[in-house]
Amino acid sequence: MYGQEKRRNSRSTALFLDWVHIVIGVCVVALAVVIFLNPEKNQWLLPAVFCLAAAMNLLNGLHRYRQSGRDKRKKAAAAAQFVIAVLLAAVTVISAISIWR
């Protein structure tokens, strides 16, 4: 019985992650279109795009890490996702400072 609960929880987590990917992807595309329509007026939206990308990579890393178990290769992939999330968060801060200064 325990294995079935764990499997069902994994499926609901994967479904939640899929919905988050869809919502963040639509938001990123919408923000990119708005930014490209009028770059001077809407340049303040650029850090939001990087922030959403960092959030998506962080969620992917957390999901991969929770699913990895004892597999070192999967843990390394999760760590790579965390590193990318941190880099994107740094780009978010740098772009926000450069735009709002």
N, C-alpha and C. Protein backbone atom coordinates (compact mmCIF):
# COMPACT_ATOMS: atom_id res chain seq x y z
N MET A 1 0.80 -1.19 0.00
CA MET A 1 0.00 0.00 0.00
C MET A 1 0.85 1.26 0.00
N TYR A 2 1.98 1.22 0.71
CA TYR A 2 2.81 2.41 0.80
C TYR A 2 3.34 2.82 -0.58
N GLY A 3 3.73 1.84 -1.37
CA GLY A 3 4.25 2.14 -2.71
C GLY A 3 3.22 2.79 -3.61
N GLN A 4 1.95 2.39 -3.45
CA GLN A 4 0.89 2.98 -4.26
C GLN A 4 0.66 4.44 -3.88
N GLU A 5 0.70 4.76 -2.59
CA GLU A 5 0.54 6.15 -2.18
C GLU A 5 1.68 6.99 -2.69
N LYS A 6 2.87 6.46 -2.62
CA LYS A 6 4.04 7.20 -3.09
C LYS A 6 3.94 7.45 -4.59
N ARG A 7 3.51 6.44 -5.34
CA ARG A 7 3.38 6.58 -6.78
C ARG A 7 2.30 7.62 -7.12
N ARG A 8 1.20 7.60 -6.44
CA ARG A 8 0.12 8.55 -6.69
C ARG A 8 0.60 9.97 -6.37
N ASN A 9 1.35 10.13 -5.29
CA ASN A 9 1.88 11.43 -4.92
C ASN A 9 2.85 11.92 -5.99
N SER A 10 3.65 11.02 -6.53
CA SER A 10 4.58 11.38 -7.59
C SER A 10 3.84 11.84 -8.84
N ARG A 11 2.75 11.18 -9.16
CA ARG A 11 1.96 11.58 -10.32
C ARG A 11 1.33 12.95 -10.12
N SER A 12 0.82 13.21 -8.92
CA SER A 12 0.22 14.51 -8.68
C SER A 12 1.28 15.61 -8.70
N THR A 13 2.47 15.30 -8.22
CA THR A 13 3.56 16.27 -8.27
C THR A 13 3.96 16.54 -9.72
N ALA A 14 4.03 15.51 -10.52
CA ALA A 14 4.37 15.68 -11.94
C ALA A 14 3.29 16.47 -12.67
N LEU A 15 2.04 16.23 -12.34
CA LEU A 15 0.95 16.98 -12.95
C LEU A 15 1.02 18.45 -12.55
N PHE A 16 1.27 18.70 -11.27
CA PHE A 16 1.43 20.07 -10.80
C PHE A 16 2.58 20.75 -11.51
N LEU A 17 3.70 20.05 -11.67
CA LEU A 17 4.86 20.62 -12.35
C LEU A 17 4.55 20.91 -13.81
N ASP A 18 3.80 20.05 -14.46
CA ASP A 18 3.39 20.31 -15.85
C ASP A 18 2.54 21.57 -15.95
N TRP A 19 1.59 21.74 -15.03
CA TRP A 19 0.76 22.94 -15.05
C TRP A 19 1.58 24.20 -14.77
N VAL A 20 2.54 24.10 -13.87
CA VAL A 20 3.41 25.25 -13.60
C VAL A 20 4.22 25.59 -14.85
N HIS A 21 4.72 24.57 -15.56
CA HIS A 21 5.47 24.82 -16.80
C HIS A 21 4.59 25.53 -17.83
N ILE A 22 3.35 25.10 -17.95
CA ILE A 22 2.45 25.71 -18.93
C ILE A 22 2.19 27.18 -18.56
N VAL A 23 1.87 27.43 -17.31
CA VAL A 23 1.56 28.80 -16.88
C VAL A 23 2.77 29.71 -17.02
N ILE A 24 3.93 29.26 -16.55
CA ILE A 24 5.13 30.08 -16.65
C ILE A 24 5.53 30.28 -18.11
N GLY A 25 5.41 29.24 -18.92
CA GLY A 25 5.73 29.37 -20.34
C GLY A 25 4.85 30.38 -21.05
N VAL A 26 3.56 30.34 -20.77
CA VAL A 26 2.64 31.32 -21.38
C VAL A 26 2.98 32.72 -20.90
N CYS A 27 3.29 32.87 -19.62
CA CYS A 27 3.65 34.19 -19.09
C CYS A 27 4.94 34.72 -19.73
N VAL A 28 5.92 33.86 -19.88
CA VAL A 28 7.18 34.29 -20.49
C VAL A 28 6.97 34.71 -21.94
N VAL A 29 6.20 33.94 -22.69
CA VAL A 29 5.93 34.29 -24.09
C VAL A 29 5.16 35.61 -24.17
N ALA A 30 4.16 35.78 -23.32
CA ALA A 30 3.39 37.03 -23.32
C ALA A 30 4.27 38.22 -22.96
N LEU A 31 5.11 38.06 -21.94
CA LEU A 31 6.01 39.15 -21.57
C LEU A 31 7.01 39.45 -22.69
N ALA A 32 7.52 38.43 -23.35
CA ALA A 32 8.47 38.64 -24.45
C ALA A 32 7.81 39.40 -25.59
N VAL A 33 6.58 39.07 -25.92
CA VAL A 33 5.87 39.78 -26.99
C VAL A 33 5.68 41.24 -26.60
N VAL A 34 5.27 41.50 -25.37
CA VAL A 34 5.06 42.87 -24.92
C VAL A 34 6.37 43.64 -24.93
N ILE A 35 7.45 43.00 -24.51
CA ILE A 35 8.76 43.66 -24.50
C ILE A 35 9.20 44.00 -25.92
N PHE A 36 9.02 43.09 -26.86
CA PHE A 36 9.46 43.35 -28.24
C PHE A 36 8.58 44.35 -28.97
N LEU A 37 7.35 44.52 -28.54
CA LEU A 37 6.48 45.51 -29.19
C LEU A 37 6.95 46.94 -28.92
N ASN A 38 7.38 47.21 -27.70
CA ASN A 38 7.87 48.54 -27.36
C ASN A 38 8.99 48.40 -26.33
N PRO A 39 10.23 48.17 -26.78
CA PRO A 39 11.31 47.87 -25.85
C PRO A 39 11.64 49.00 -24.87
N GLU A 40 11.58 50.25 -25.32
CA GLU A 40 11.94 51.35 -24.43
C GLU A 40 10.93 51.50 -23.29
N LYS A 41 9.67 51.35 -23.61
CA LYS A 41 8.63 51.55 -22.60
C LYS A 41 8.50 50.35 -21.67
N ASN A 42 8.73 49.16 -22.18
CA ASN A 42 8.49 47.93 -21.41
C ASN A 42 9.76 47.19 -20.99
N GLN A 43 10.88 47.89 -20.94
CA GLN A 43 12.12 47.21 -20.57
C GLN A 43 12.12 46.77 -19.10
N TRP A 44 11.27 47.34 -18.30
CA TRP A 44 11.20 46.96 -16.89
C TRP A 44 10.63 45.55 -16.71
N LEU A 45 10.03 44.98 -17.77
CA LEU A 45 9.50 43.62 -17.69
C LEU A 45 10.58 42.55 -17.88
N LEU A 46 11.74 42.94 -18.38
CA LEU A 46 12.80 41.97 -18.65
C LEU A 46 13.26 41.20 -17.39
N PRO A 47 13.44 41.86 -16.24
CA PRO A 47 13.80 41.08 -15.05
C PRO A 47 12.72 40.06 -14.65
N ALA A 48 11.47 40.36 -14.96
CA ALA A 48 10.39 39.40 -14.64
C ALA A 48 10.55 38.12 -15.46
N VAL A 49 10.99 38.25 -16.71
CA VAL A 49 11.21 37.07 -17.55
C VAL A 49 12.32 36.20 -16.95
N PHE A 50 13.41 36.84 -16.54
CA PHE A 50 14.51 36.09 -15.94
C PHE A 50 14.10 35.47 -14.60
N CYS A 51 13.29 36.17 -13.84
CA CYS A 51 12.81 35.65 -12.56
C CYS A 51 11.92 34.42 -12.78
N LEU A 52 11.04 34.48 -13.75
CA LEU A 52 10.19 33.32 -14.05
C LEU A 52 11.03 32.13 -14.52
N ALA A 53 12.06 32.41 -15.32
CA ALA A 53 12.94 31.32 -15.77
C ALA A 53 13.71 30.71 -14.59
N ALA A 54 14.14 31.56 -13.66
CA ALA A 54 14.83 31.05 -12.47
C ALA A 54 13.89 30.20 -11.62
N ALA A 55 12.65 30.64 -11.48
CA ALA A 55 11.67 29.87 -10.70
C ALA A 55 11.40 28.52 -11.35
N MET A 56 11.31 28.50 -12.68
CA MET A 56 11.05 27.24 -13.37
C MET A 56 12.23 26.27 -13.19
N ASN A 57 13.44 26.77 -13.29
CA ASN A 57 14.60 25.90 -13.10
C ASN A 57 14.71 25.43 -11.66
N LEU A 58 14.36 26.27 -10.72
CA LEU A 58 14.39 25.86 -9.32
C LEU A 58 13.37 24.75 -9.06
N LEU A 59 12.17 24.90 -9.58
CA LEU A 59 11.16 23.85 -9.42
C LEU A 59 11.58 22.54 -10.09
N ASN A 60 12.18 22.65 -11.27
CA ASN A 60 12.67 21.44 -11.95
C ASN A 60 13.77 20.77 -11.13
N GLY A 61 14.66 21.57 -10.57
CA GLY A 61 15.73 21.00 -9.75
C GLY A 61 15.20 20.31 -8.51
N LEU A 62 14.23 20.94 -7.85
CA LEU A 62 13.63 20.32 -6.67
C LEU A 62 12.93 19.01 -7.02
N HIS A 63 12.22 19.01 -8.13
CA HIS A 63 11.53 17.79 -8.55
C HIS A 63 12.52 16.68 -8.88
N ARG A 64 13.56 17.02 -9.62
CA ARG A 64 14.57 16.01 -9.96
C ARG A 64 15.27 15.48 -8.73
N TYR A 65 15.56 16.38 -7.77
CA TYR A 65 16.26 15.94 -6.57
C TYR A 65 15.38 15.01 -5.74
N ARG A 66 14.11 15.32 -5.63
CA ARG A 66 13.20 14.46 -4.86
C ARG A 66 13.00 13.11 -5.54
N GLN A 67 13.09 13.05 -6.86
CA GLN A 67 12.89 11.81 -7.60
C GLN A 67 14.18 11.00 -7.76
N SER A 68 15.33 11.59 -7.40
CA SER A 68 16.61 10.94 -7.70
C SER A 68 16.90 9.72 -6.83
N GLY A 69 16.46 9.73 -5.59
CA GLY A 69 16.78 8.61 -4.71
C GLY A 69 18.27 8.56 -4.43
N ARG A 70 18.89 7.44 -4.78
CA ARG A 70 20.32 7.28 -4.54
C ARG A 70 21.15 7.43 -5.81
N ASP A 71 20.52 7.76 -6.91
CA ASP A 71 21.21 7.86 -8.19
C ASP A 71 22.03 9.15 -8.25
N LYS A 72 23.34 9.02 -8.35
CA LYS A 72 24.22 10.18 -8.34
C LYS A 72 24.10 11.02 -9.61
N ARG A 73 23.83 10.38 -10.73
CA ARG A 73 23.69 11.13 -11.98
C ARG A 73 22.45 12.03 -11.95
N LYS A 74 21.36 11.53 -11.37
CA LYS A 74 20.15 12.34 -11.27
C LYS A 74 20.34 13.47 -10.27
N LYS A 75 21.08 13.20 -9.21
CA LYS A 75 21.37 14.27 -8.25
C LYS A 75 22.27 15.33 -8.88
N ALA A 76 23.19 14.92 -9.73
CA ALA A 76 24.04 15.88 -10.43
C ALA A 76 23.21 16.72 -11.40
N ALA A 77 22.24 16.11 -12.06
CA ALA A 77 21.36 16.87 -12.95
C ALA A 77 20.53 17.87 -12.16
N ALA A 78 20.08 17.47 -10.98
CA ALA A 78 19.32 18.38 -10.12
C ALA A 78 20.21 19.53 -9.66
N ALA A 79 21.45 19.23 -9.32
CA ALA A 79 22.39 20.28 -8.91
C ALA A 79 22.65 21.26 -10.05
N ALA A 80 22.72 20.75 -11.27
CA ALA A 80 22.90 21.63 -12.43
C ALA A 80 21.69 22.55 -12.60
N GLN A 81 20.50 22.03 -12.36
CA GLN A 81 19.30 22.87 -12.42
C GLN A 81 19.35 23.96 -11.35
N PHE A 82 19.83 23.62 -10.16
CA PHE A 82 19.95 24.61 -9.10
C PHE A 82 20.96 25.71 -9.48
N VAL A 83 22.06 25.30 -10.08
CA VAL A 83 23.08 26.27 -10.49
C VAL A 83 22.51 27.22 -11.55
N ILE A 84 21.79 26.67 -12.52
CA ILE A 84 21.17 27.50 -13.55
C ILE A 84 20.16 28.45 -12.93
N ALA A 85 19.40 27.98 -11.95
CA ALA A 85 18.43 28.84 -11.27
C ALA A 85 19.12 29.99 -10.55
N VAL A 86 20.24 29.70 -9.90
CA VAL A 86 20.99 30.75 -9.20
C VAL A 86 21.56 31.76 -10.20
N LEU A 87 22.08 31.27 -11.32
CA LEU A 87 22.61 32.18 -12.34
C LEU A 87 21.51 33.06 -12.92
N LEU A 88 20.35 32.50 -13.17
CA LEU A 88 19.25 33.29 -13.69
C LEU A 88 18.75 34.30 -12.65
N ALA A 89 18.77 33.92 -11.39
CA ALA A 89 18.40 34.86 -10.34
C ALA A 89 19.40 36.01 -10.27
N ALA A 90 20.67 35.71 -10.47
CA ALA A 90 21.69 36.76 -10.50
C ALA A 90 21.49 37.69 -11.70
N VAL A 91 21.15 37.11 -12.85
CA VAL A 91 20.86 37.93 -14.03
C VAL A 91 19.63 38.80 -13.79
N THR A 92 18.66 38.27 -13.05
CA THR A 92 17.47 39.05 -12.70
C THR A 92 17.86 40.29 -11.91
N VAL A 93 18.68 40.09 -10.90
CA VAL A 93 19.10 41.21 -10.05
C VAL A 93 19.94 42.20 -10.84
N ILE A 94 20.87 41.71 -11.64
CA ILE A 94 21.73 42.60 -12.43
C ILE A 94 20.92 43.39 -13.43
N SER A 95 19.99 42.75 -14.12
CA SER A 95 19.18 43.47 -15.11
C SER A 95 18.25 44.47 -14.43
N ALA A 96 17.71 44.13 -13.27
CA ALA A 96 16.85 45.06 -12.55
C ALA A 96 17.63 46.28 -12.10
N ILE A 97 18.82 46.06 -11.59
CA ILE A 97 19.65 47.20 -11.16
C ILE A 97 20.03 48.08 -12.33
N SER A 98 20.41 47.47 -13.45
CA SER A 98 20.83 48.26 -14.61
C SER A 98 19.67 49.01 -15.25
N ILE A 99 18.48 48.45 -15.22
CA ILE A 99 17.32 49.12 -15.81
C ILE A 99 16.80 50.22 -14.91
N TRP A 100 16.72 49.97 -13.61
CA TRP A 100 16.08 50.92 -12.71
C TRP A 100 17.03 51.98 -12.17
N ARG A 101 18.28 51.94 -12.57
CA ARG A 101 19.22 52.94 -12.11
C ARG A 101 19.18 54.15 -12.93
